[in-house]
Amino acid sequence: MVPRIQYVKASDGVSIAYSQAGDGPAYVALNDIPFSHIQLEEQYGVGFQPLHEAIGGRFVRLDPRGMGMSDREVDRITIDAWVSDLEAVVDRLELDQFVLGGSGFSGVIAISYATRHPERVSRLTLLNAPARPADAFAAPASQSLAEMLVRDWEMFSENVGALAFGWGRDQARVFGEYVRACSTQELARRTYAALVSMDVTELLPSLTMPVLVISHDGVKYAPLDLSRHLVSDIPDARLVVMEGVMDLEPIFKQVAEFVMEGREEEPEADHVEPGAFRTIFFTDIEGSTELTERLGDAKARDFLREHERITRDALAKHGGAEIKTMGDGFMASFSSATKALECGIGLQRAFAQYNESAPQPIKVRVGLNAGEPIAEDDPEGRGDLFGSAVNLAARICSRAEGGEILASEGVRQIVAGKGFLFSDLGESEMRGFEDPVRVYAVRWQAS
């Protein structure tokens, strides 16, 4: 199946090609540098389709600048530039959290991104990926390849395939053709020249997520010792050593087990503990009464079902506990103000995407407050929350307009320094509260 290629602009205006398939938990895969070509990789037998079939979910691929389908005539080939390429794709797809995979020299991109955005990368996989490319270039096989790159582009590409997949194997010859499609001789020279000066060793102790490192003892240009050093510097890393040269099937099997293990460990929805400090989260559809009058009960109910589906998906994704639904709105609870805000942002972005093609847009307002609510069972025996913290969250939600997220001063203070952007709307009188309440709008639209 030929992937649908899309493009996004990196921060400096470079066009980056990406593709995506499937729905659900996301995996973002980076191929080795400069051997990345998202349109041709399946055709040449070096694509990720078997891995996607094994783990399901949403699978994302991209070509960093200077290779594949992305802009090749570029001025900057640096770690920062490559990370900005990945950031552009992740932001375009609005991936709040995902597993990130780096292969070969793209490992420096994956490691750099994961340390800059630890809240987004739930797990990290690294295949034959040195933290300091210069160490890999020092291997005798790599030095021979470097000489070939200068003198003979075809010989270089054929030998890369042979060293990776084994001499005499058809896949090695085919991979040589693929290498020549991914880049040009001049671009490959520039890429390797840039890689020599890159070093992410100091970032390794900062990786906070589980990391899987896979290494082959028969891949001569990626010495096993480099992977051992990598694992020793990462707090939560495991090393899998495979015998011989590259074989994609067992590699994908190891990665799939690691990814699925992470999904099994995902926390269940947050539960309410009596007297606990919570962030209370309210939603409400703007103009729901007018919507029902205009469309009639049956058609309006169809749109309410979409609202319920999108909202429950967002709550589940961010660990929110649904307390109750009020027909055209929800009340939920979070143990983390950060997760509550991320849920609100994810929710508004999901509705914005839905509204792009929906015959009837759904505009939702969101209100948040933090405090210690009273936990009791309602008359039907279900868990419910009461008290001033809950009442204020409801009042704040009612002040919002469709598409807005409003938060109290308490929420803003709790998440200070976490990267959220707020606009101060000043103080407002709230029914049932003696003193004016300062309210902030959360800026969620992608810039």
Protein backbone atom coordinates (compact mmCIF):
# COMPACT_ATOMS: atom_id res chain seq x y z
CA MET A 1 0.00 0.00 0.00
CA VAL A 2 1.43 3.37 -1.03
CA PRO A 3 1.32 5.77 1.95
CA ARG A 4 -0.40 9.13 1.72
CA ILE A 5 2.37 11.72 1.93
CA GLN A 6 1.62 14.98 3.70
CA TYR A 7 3.79 17.99 4.44
CA VAL A 8 4.35 20.39 7.31
CA LYS A 9 6.71 23.35 7.65
CA ALA A 10 9.44 23.14 10.27
CA SER A 11 10.18 26.24 12.35
CA ASP A 12 12.61 27.56 9.72
CA GLY A 13 10.27 26.95 6.79
CA VAL A 14 11.73 23.63 5.54
CA SER A 15 9.05 21.26 4.19
CA ILE A 16 8.96 17.92 6.03
CA ALA A 17 7.21 14.87 4.58
CA TYR A 18 5.28 12.55 6.87
CA SER A 19 2.70 9.80 6.74
CA GLN A 20 0.34 8.27 9.26
CA ALA A 21 -1.94 5.25 9.42
CA GLY A 22 -4.34 3.83 11.97
CA ASP A 23 -5.93 5.18 15.15
CA GLY A 24 -5.18 4.84 18.83
CA PRO A 25 -1.90 4.90 20.79
CA ALA A 26 0.83 6.39 18.62
CA TYR A 27 4.27 5.15 17.59
CA VAL A 28 6.59 7.54 15.73
CA ALA A 29 9.39 5.80 13.82
CA LEU A 30 12.61 7.39 12.55
CA ASN A 31 14.66 5.43 10.03
CA ASP A 32 18.45 5.58 9.90
CA ILE A 33 20.05 8.75 8.57
CA PRO A 34 20.23 9.49 5.68
CA PHE A 35 18.45 6.27 4.66
CA SER A 36 14.85 7.45 5.01
CA HIS A 37 12.23 7.52 2.26
CA ILE A 38 8.67 7.07 3.49
CA GLN A 39 7.27 6.61 -0.02
CA LEU A 40 9.66 3.84 -1.10
CA GLU A 41 10.59 1.93 2.08
CA GLU A 42 7.81 -0.66 1.79
CA GLN A 43 8.58 -1.18 -1.89
CA TYR A 44 12.21 -1.97 -1.01
CA GLY A 45 11.33 -4.24 1.91
CA VAL A 46 12.68 -2.00 4.67
CA GLY A 47 9.41 -0.47 5.85
CA PHE A 48 7.61 -0.71 9.17
CA GLN A 49 4.34 -2.30 8.05
CA PRO A 50 4.98 -5.59 9.95
CA LEU A 51 5.61 -3.63 13.15
CA HIS A 52 2.43 -1.61 12.65
CA GLU A 53 0.46 -4.82 12.16
CA ALA A 54 1.92 -6.20 15.39
CA ILE A 55 1.22 -3.21 17.64
CA GLY A 56 -1.78 -1.58 15.94
CA GLY A 57 -2.64 1.96 16.93
CA ARG A 58 -1.50 5.05 15.08
CA PHE A 59 1.76 4.71 13.18
CA VAL A 60 3.68 7.82 12.08
CA ARG A 61 6.71 8.12 9.81
CA LEU A 62 8.65 11.14 8.60
CA ASP A 63 11.67 11.99 6.49
CA PRO A 64 13.94 14.48 8.26
CA ARG A 65 15.30 17.32 6.14
CA GLY A 66 17.88 16.44 3.51
CA MET A 67 16.50 13.02 2.61
CA GLY A 68 13.56 11.10 1.21
CA MET A 69 10.51 13.15 0.30
CA SER A 70 11.42 16.16 2.46
CA ASP A 71 13.29 19.25 1.26
CA ARG A 72 16.81 18.27 0.23
CA GLU A 73 18.22 21.68 -0.57
CA VAL A 74 18.68 22.83 3.01
CA ASP A 75 21.16 25.13 4.74
CA ARG A 76 20.98 23.66 8.25
CA ILE A 77 21.83 20.04 9.04
CA THR A 78 22.04 20.04 12.83
CA ILE A 79 20.45 18.18 15.75
CA ASP A 80 18.31 21.23 16.52
CA ALA A 81 17.11 21.36 12.93
CA TRP A 82 16.25 17.65 12.85
CA VAL A 83 14.47 17.90 16.21
CA SER A 84 12.45 20.82 14.86
CA ASP A 85 11.38 18.58 11.95
CA LEU A 86 10.05 16.02 14.42
CA GLU A 87 8.42 18.71 16.55
CA ALA A 88 6.59 20.08 13.52
CA VAL A 89 5.09 16.67 12.66
CA VAL A 90 4.15 15.85 16.27
CA ASP A 91 2.50 19.25 16.71
CA ARG A 92 0.64 19.00 13.40
CA LEU A 93 -0.76 15.60 14.41
CA GLU A 94 -1.43 16.83 17.96
CA LEU A 95 0.23 13.79 19.54
CA ASP A 96 0.03 14.32 23.29
CA GLN A 97 1.96 11.15 24.11
CA PHE A 98 3.60 8.45 21.99
CA VAL A 99 6.36 5.86 21.73
CA LEU A 100 9.37 7.13 19.78
CA GLY A 101 11.76 4.91 17.85
CA GLY A 102 15.19 5.83 16.49
CA SER A 103 17.35 3.66 14.26
CA GLY A 104 21.06 4.14 13.57
CA PHE A 105 22.13 7.77 13.53
CA SER A 106 18.54 8.98 13.93
CA GLY A 107 19.02 7.94 17.54
CA VAL A 108 20.55 11.35 18.23
CA ILE A 109 17.26 12.94 17.13
CA ALA A 110 15.17 10.57 19.24
CA ILE A 111 17.31 11.07 22.35
CA SER A 112 17.36 14.86 21.96
CA TYR A 113 13.60 15.08 21.43
CA ALA A 114 12.85 12.76 24.37
CA THR A 115 14.91 14.89 26.77
CA ARG A 116 13.27 18.10 25.55
CA HIS A 117 9.72 16.69 25.64
CA PRO A 118 9.67 13.95 28.30
CA GLU A 119 5.96 14.50 28.92
CA ARG A 120 5.21 13.37 25.37
CA VAL A 121 7.52 10.35 24.96
CA SER A 122 6.15 7.44 27.00
CA ARG A 123 8.80 4.95 25.80
CA LEU A 124 11.87 5.07 23.60
CA THR A 125 13.38 2.41 21.32
CA LEU A 126 16.91 2.66 19.91
CA LEU A 127 18.31 0.27 17.28
CA ASN A 128 22.10 0.21 16.71
CA ALA A 129 22.05 3.87 17.72
CA PRO A 130 25.26 5.47 19.06
CA ALA A 131 25.01 8.53 21.30
CA ARG A 132 28.19 9.89 19.71
CA PRO A 133 28.30 9.10 15.97
CA ALA A 134 32.04 9.80 15.85
CA ASP A 135 32.55 6.60 17.89
CA ALA A 136 30.78 4.58 15.22
CA PHE A 137 32.75 6.31 12.47
CA ALA A 138 35.95 5.20 14.20
CA ALA A 139 35.16 1.53 13.49
CA PRO A 140 37.27 0.09 10.62
CA ALA A 141 34.16 -0.79 8.58
CA SER A 142 32.88 2.77 8.90
CA GLN A 143 36.21 4.22 7.81
CA SER A 144 36.14 2.06 4.70
CA LEU A 145 32.59 3.22 3.97
CA ALA A 146 33.69 6.85 4.37
CA GLU A 147 36.35 6.39 1.71
CA MET A 148 33.80 4.82 -0.64
CA LEU A 149 31.40 7.70 -0.05
CA VAL A 150 34.01 10.12 -1.37
CA ARG A 151 35.03 8.02 -4.38
CA ASP A 152 32.11 5.86 -5.50
CA TRP A 153 28.46 6.47 -4.52
CA GLU A 154 27.22 3.16 -5.92
CA MET A 155 29.93 1.14 -4.18
CA PHE A 156 29.18 2.93 -0.92
CA SER A 157 25.46 2.18 -1.09
CA GLU A 158 25.96 -1.47 -2.02
CA ASN A 159 28.42 -1.98 0.84
CA VAL A 160 26.10 -0.31 3.36
CA GLY A 161 23.48 -2.89 2.43
CA ALA A 162 25.95 -5.78 2.65
CA LEU A 163 27.31 -4.72 6.04
CA ALA A 164 23.81 -4.31 7.45
CA PHE A 165 22.07 -7.37 5.99
CA GLY A 166 24.93 -9.71 5.10
CA TRP A 167 27.01 -10.37 2.01
CA GLY A 168 25.29 -12.21 -0.82
CA ARG A 169 21.75 -11.62 0.46
CA ASP A 170 19.20 -10.19 -1.95
CA GLN A 171 18.07 -7.71 0.69
CA ALA A 172 21.58 -6.23 0.77
CA ARG A 173 21.52 -5.52 -2.98
CA VAL A 174 18.01 -4.09 -2.81
CA PHE A 175 18.98 -1.91 0.12
CA GLY A 176 21.79 -0.42 -1.98
CA GLU A 177 19.22 0.77 -4.52
CA TYR A 178 17.10 2.14 -1.70
CA VAL A 179 20.06 4.12 -0.27
CA ARG A 180 20.60 5.83 -3.62
CA ALA A 181 16.90 6.78 -3.74
CA CYS A 182 17.00 8.29 -0.25
CA SER A 183 19.75 10.81 -0.82
CA THR A 184 22.47 12.02 -3.16
CA GLN A 185 26.21 11.55 -2.78
CA GLU A 186 26.71 15.21 -1.91
CA LEU A 187 23.89 15.25 0.65
CA ALA A 188 25.17 12.04 2.24
CA ARG A 189 28.63 13.60 2.57
CA ARG A 190 27.15 16.69 4.23
CA THR A 191 25.05 14.56 6.55
CA TYR A 192 27.98 12.44 7.73
CA ALA A 193 30.16 15.52 8.13
CA ALA A 194 27.48 17.01 10.40
CA LEU A 195 27.02 13.78 12.36
CA VAL A 196 30.73 13.60 13.25
CA SER A 197 30.37 16.61 15.54
CA MET A 198 27.14 15.49 17.23
CA ASP A 199 27.16 14.09 20.76
CA VAL A 200 24.14 13.46 22.99
CA THR A 201 26.00 11.44 25.66
CA GLU A 202 25.36 14.06 28.35
CA LEU A 203 21.61 13.81 27.73
CA LEU A 204 21.37 10.08 28.48
CA PRO A 205 20.98 10.38 32.29
CA SER A 206 18.07 12.78 31.68
CA LEU A 207 15.95 10.18 29.88
CA THR A 208 13.10 9.50 32.29
CA MET A 209 11.07 6.98 30.28
CA PRO A 210 11.73 3.23 29.78
CA VAL A 211 14.20 2.69 26.94
CA LEU A 212 14.79 -0.42 24.82
CA VAL A 213 18.22 -0.65 23.17
CA ILE A 214 18.70 -3.28 20.45
CA SER A 215 22.17 -4.06 19.12
CA HIS A 216 23.62 -6.60 16.66
CA ASP A 217 26.99 -8.20 17.27
CA GLY A 218 27.43 -8.73 13.52
CA VAL A 219 26.83 -5.16 12.33
CA LYS A 220 30.42 -3.96 12.06
CA TYR A 221 29.73 -0.26 11.70
CA ALA A 222 27.71 -0.24 14.97
CA PRO A 223 29.97 -1.87 17.59
CA LEU A 224 28.18 -3.61 20.45
CA ASP A 225 30.25 -1.72 23.05
CA LEU A 226 28.56 1.53 22.02
CA SER A 227 25.16 0.10 22.94
CA ARG A 228 26.49 -1.19 26.27
CA HIS A 229 27.76 2.30 27.13
CA LEU A 230 24.40 3.73 26.06
CA VAL A 231 22.45 1.47 28.42
CA SER A 232 24.83 2.10 31.36
CA ASP A 233 24.08 5.85 31.22
CA ILE A 234 20.27 5.63 30.92
CA PRO A 235 18.39 5.20 34.23
CA ASP A 236 15.66 2.84 32.94
CA ALA A 237 17.13 1.00 29.96
CA ARG A 238 17.40 -2.60 28.86
CA LEU A 239 19.70 -4.08 26.23
CA VAL A 240 18.77 -6.80 23.75
CA VAL A 241 21.72 -8.23 21.82
CA MET A 242 20.96 -10.04 18.58
CA GLU A 243 23.38 -12.34 16.84
CA GLY A 244 24.60 -11.69 13.32
CA VAL A 245 23.44 -9.00 10.94
CA MET A 246 20.15 -7.14 10.60
CA ASP A 247 16.94 -9.18 10.36
CA LEU A 248 13.82 -7.06 10.58
CA GLU A 249 11.40 -9.74 11.78
CA PRO A 250 13.04 -10.42 15.19
CA ILE A 251 13.75 -6.70 15.62
CA PHE A 252 10.08 -5.87 15.18
CA LYS A 253 9.14 -8.69 17.55
CA GLN A 254 11.28 -7.20 20.34
CA VAL A 255 9.96 -3.68 19.72
CA ALA A 256 6.34 -4.89 19.64
CA GLU A 257 6.72 -6.69 22.98
CA PHE A 258 8.23 -3.56 24.53
CA VAL A 259 5.48 -1.29 23.15
CA MET A 260 2.65 -3.61 24.20
CA GLU A 261 4.18 -3.99 27.66
CA GLY A 262 3.91 -0.23 28.06
CA ARG A 263 0.26 -0.26 27.03
CA GLU A 264 -0.53 -2.94 29.61
CA GLU A 265 1.09 -0.73 32.27
CA GLU A 266 -0.93 2.38 31.39
CA PRO A 267 -2.77 3.65 34.48
CA GLU A 268 -6.47 3.15 34.78
CA ALA A 269 -8.79 6.12 35.01
CA ASP A 270 -8.20 8.26 38.07
CA HIS A 271 -10.33 7.37 41.11
CA VAL A 272 -11.57 9.74 43.76
CA GLU A 273 -10.17 9.45 47.29
CA PRO A 274 -12.12 11.19 50.09
CA GLY A 275 -10.47 14.45 51.15
CA ALA A 276 -7.92 14.32 48.33
CA PHE A 277 -6.78 17.43 46.48
CA ARG A 278 -8.32 17.29 43.00
CA THR A 279 -8.61 19.29 39.83
CA ILE A 280 -12.30 19.52 38.88
CA PHE A 281 -13.09 19.59 35.18
CA PHE A 282 -16.42 20.70 33.66
CA THR A 283 -17.50 20.77 30.01
CA ASP A 284 -20.64 22.18 28.43
CA ILE A 285 -21.88 22.48 24.84
CA GLU A 286 -22.52 26.06 23.82
CA GLY A 287 -26.04 26.58 22.50
CA SER A 288 -27.26 23.02 23.13
CA THR A 289 -30.86 24.12 23.73
CA GLU A 290 -30.99 26.03 20.44
CA LEU A 291 -29.37 23.05 18.71
CA THR A 292 -32.14 20.74 19.89
CA GLU A 293 -34.86 23.18 18.90
CA ARG A 294 -33.38 23.63 15.44
CA LEU A 295 -32.59 19.98 14.64
CA GLY A 296 -35.16 18.12 16.68
CA ASP A 297 -34.54 15.60 19.42
CA ALA A 298 -33.38 12.69 17.23
CA LYS A 299 -30.79 14.55 15.16
CA ALA A 300 -29.58 16.56 18.14
CA ARG A 301 -29.02 13.31 20.01
CA ASP A 302 -26.70 12.12 17.21
CA PHE A 303 -24.47 15.15 17.77
CA LEU A 304 -24.58 14.65 21.53
CA ARG A 305 -23.32 11.10 21.03
CA GLU A 306 -20.34 12.48 19.10
CA HIS A 307 -19.73 14.93 21.93
CA GLU A 308 -19.83 12.08 24.45
CA ARG A 309 -17.50 9.90 22.39
CA ILE A 310 -14.88 12.61 21.89
CA THR A 311 -15.03 13.71 25.52
CA ARG A 312 -14.77 10.19 26.94
CA ASP A 313 -11.86 9.43 24.61
CA ALA A 314 -10.02 12.51 25.93
CA LEU A 315 -10.74 11.63 29.57
CA ALA A 316 -9.52 8.06 29.07
CA LYS A 317 -6.39 9.21 27.29
CA HIS A 318 -5.41 11.58 30.10
CA GLY A 319 -6.49 9.52 33.08
CA GLY A 320 -9.55 11.57 34.07
CA ALA A 321 -12.31 10.06 36.20
CA GLU A 322 -15.77 10.75 34.78
CA ILE A 323 -17.99 11.75 37.70
CA LYS A 324 -21.21 12.31 35.78
CA THR A 325 -22.69 13.56 32.54
CA MET A 326 -25.40 16.19 32.41
CA GLY A 327 -26.65 15.51 28.87
CA ASP A 328 -24.78 18.35 27.21
CA GLY A 329 -21.76 18.37 29.51
CA PHE A 330 -19.43 16.38 31.74
CA MET A 331 -17.99 16.62 35.21
CA ALA A 332 -14.65 14.87 35.75
CA SER A 333 -11.84 14.74 38.28
CA PHE A 334 -8.05 14.59 37.97
CA SER A 335 -5.35 14.00 40.56
CA SER A 336 -3.02 16.10 38.36
CA ALA A 337 -3.73 19.66 37.24
CA THR A 338 -1.26 19.14 34.40
CA LYS A 339 -3.23 16.13 33.12
CA ALA A 340 -6.48 18.06 33.45
CA LEU A 341 -5.16 20.95 31.35
CA GLU A 342 -3.68 18.57 28.79
CA CYS A 343 -7.06 16.88 28.60
CA GLY A 344 -8.82 20.21 28.04
CA ILE A 345 -6.37 21.14 25.28
CA GLY A 346 -6.66 17.71 23.66
CA LEU A 347 -10.44 17.93 23.88
CA GLN A 348 -10.66 21.33 22.19
CA ARG A 349 -8.28 20.23 19.44
CA ALA A 350 -10.33 17.08 18.86
CA PHE A 351 -13.52 19.11 18.50
CA ALA A 352 -11.77 21.61 16.22
CA GLN A 353 -10.73 18.74 13.97
CA TYR A 354 -14.23 17.25 14.07
CA ASN A 355 -15.80 20.62 13.19
CA GLU A 356 -13.72 20.95 10.03
CA SER A 357 -15.93 18.42 8.23
CA ALA A 358 -19.00 18.09 10.48
CA PRO A 359 -22.37 19.26 9.10
CA GLN A 360 -23.07 20.78 12.50
CA PRO A 361 -20.12 22.08 14.57
CA ILE A 362 -19.94 21.29 18.28
CA LYS A 363 -18.51 24.11 20.37
CA VAL A 364 -17.56 23.09 23.88
CA ARG A 365 -16.54 25.25 26.84
CA VAL A 366 -14.25 23.92 29.55
CA GLY A 367 -13.78 25.13 33.13
CA LEU A 368 -11.24 23.98 35.73
CA ASN A 369 -10.64 24.59 39.42
CA ALA A 370 -8.51 22.83 42.04
CA GLY A 371 -9.30 22.08 45.67
CA GLU A 372 -10.46 19.44 48.15
CA PRO A 373 -13.99 18.40 47.20
CA ILE A 374 -16.28 16.31 49.40
CA ALA A 375 -16.62 12.76 48.06
CA GLU A 376 -19.99 11.10 48.63
CA ASP A 377 -22.29 8.66 46.93
CA ASP A 378 -25.25 10.19 45.12
CA PRO A 379 -28.82 8.90 45.76
CA GLU A 380 -28.24 6.11 43.25
CA GLY A 381 -25.09 4.92 45.01
CA ARG A 382 -22.59 6.34 42.52
CA GLY A 383 -19.52 8.32 43.55
CA ASP A 384 -19.97 12.08 43.32
CA LEU A 385 -18.10 15.23 44.38
CA PHE A 386 -19.50 18.26 46.17
CA GLY A 387 -18.32 21.47 47.78
CA SER A 388 -16.94 24.88 46.91
CA ALA A 389 -14.16 23.52 44.68
CA VAL A 390 -16.78 21.83 42.50
CA ASN A 391 -19.15 24.79 42.47
CA LEU A 392 -16.43 27.20 41.38
CA ALA A 393 -15.33 24.92 38.53
CA ALA A 394 -18.94 24.85 37.30
CA ARG A 395 -19.23 28.64 37.54
CA ILE A 396 -15.97 29.12 35.64
CA CYS A 397 -17.14 26.75 32.90
CA SER A 398 -20.36 28.75 32.52
CA ARG A 399 -18.30 31.91 31.88
CA ALA A 400 -16.44 30.35 28.96
CA GLU A 401 -17.41 30.64 25.32
CA GLY A 402 -17.46 27.73 22.91
CA GLY A 403 -13.90 26.65 22.19
CA GLU A 404 -12.50 28.25 25.35
CA ILE A 405 -10.74 26.71 28.36
CA LEU A 406 -10.96 28.81 31.53
CA ALA A 407 -9.05 28.04 34.71
CA SER A 408 -8.90 29.44 38.22
CA GLU A 409 -5.91 31.16 39.80
CA GLY A 410 -5.24 27.98 41.79
CA VAL A 411 -4.89 25.84 38.68
CA ARG A 412 -2.62 28.40 37.05
CA GLN A 413 -0.30 28.45 40.06
CA ILE A 414 -0.12 24.66 40.30
CA VAL A 415 1.08 24.29 36.70
CA ALA A 416 3.45 27.29 36.73
CA GLY A 417 6.57 26.46 34.73
CA LYS A 418 4.94 23.51 32.91
CA GLY A 419 4.75 25.28 29.55
CA PHE A 420 1.05 26.24 29.51
CA LEU A 421 0.11 29.67 28.21
CA PHE A 422 -2.54 31.75 29.98
CA SER A 423 -4.29 35.04 29.33
CA ASP A 424 -5.42 36.94 32.42
CA LEU A 425 -9.13 37.80 32.06
CA GLY A 426 -9.27 39.67 35.36
CA GLU A 427 -11.65 39.23 38.28
CA SER A 428 -15.31 38.24 37.93
CA GLU A 429 -18.23 38.03 40.31
CA MET A 430 -19.33 34.41 40.70
CA ARG A 431 -22.74 33.47 42.04
CA GLY A 432 -22.40 31.94 45.50
CA PHE A 433 -18.91 33.37 46.13
CA GLU A 434 -18.39 36.45 48.26
CA ASP A 435 -15.10 37.59 46.73
CA PRO A 436 -14.39 38.17 43.04
CA VAL A 437 -12.59 35.30 41.32
CA ARG A 438 -9.66 35.81 38.95
CA VAL A 439 -10.01 33.72 35.79
CA TYR A 440 -7.47 32.78 33.11
CA ALA A 441 -7.98 31.61 29.53
CA VAL A 442 -5.77 28.72 28.46
CA ARG A 443 -4.24 29.23 25.02
CA TRP A 444 -4.54 25.91 23.22
CA GLN A 445 -4.55 26.68 19.50
CA ALA A 446 -1.43 25.46 17.66
CA SER A 447 0.57 28.47 16.43
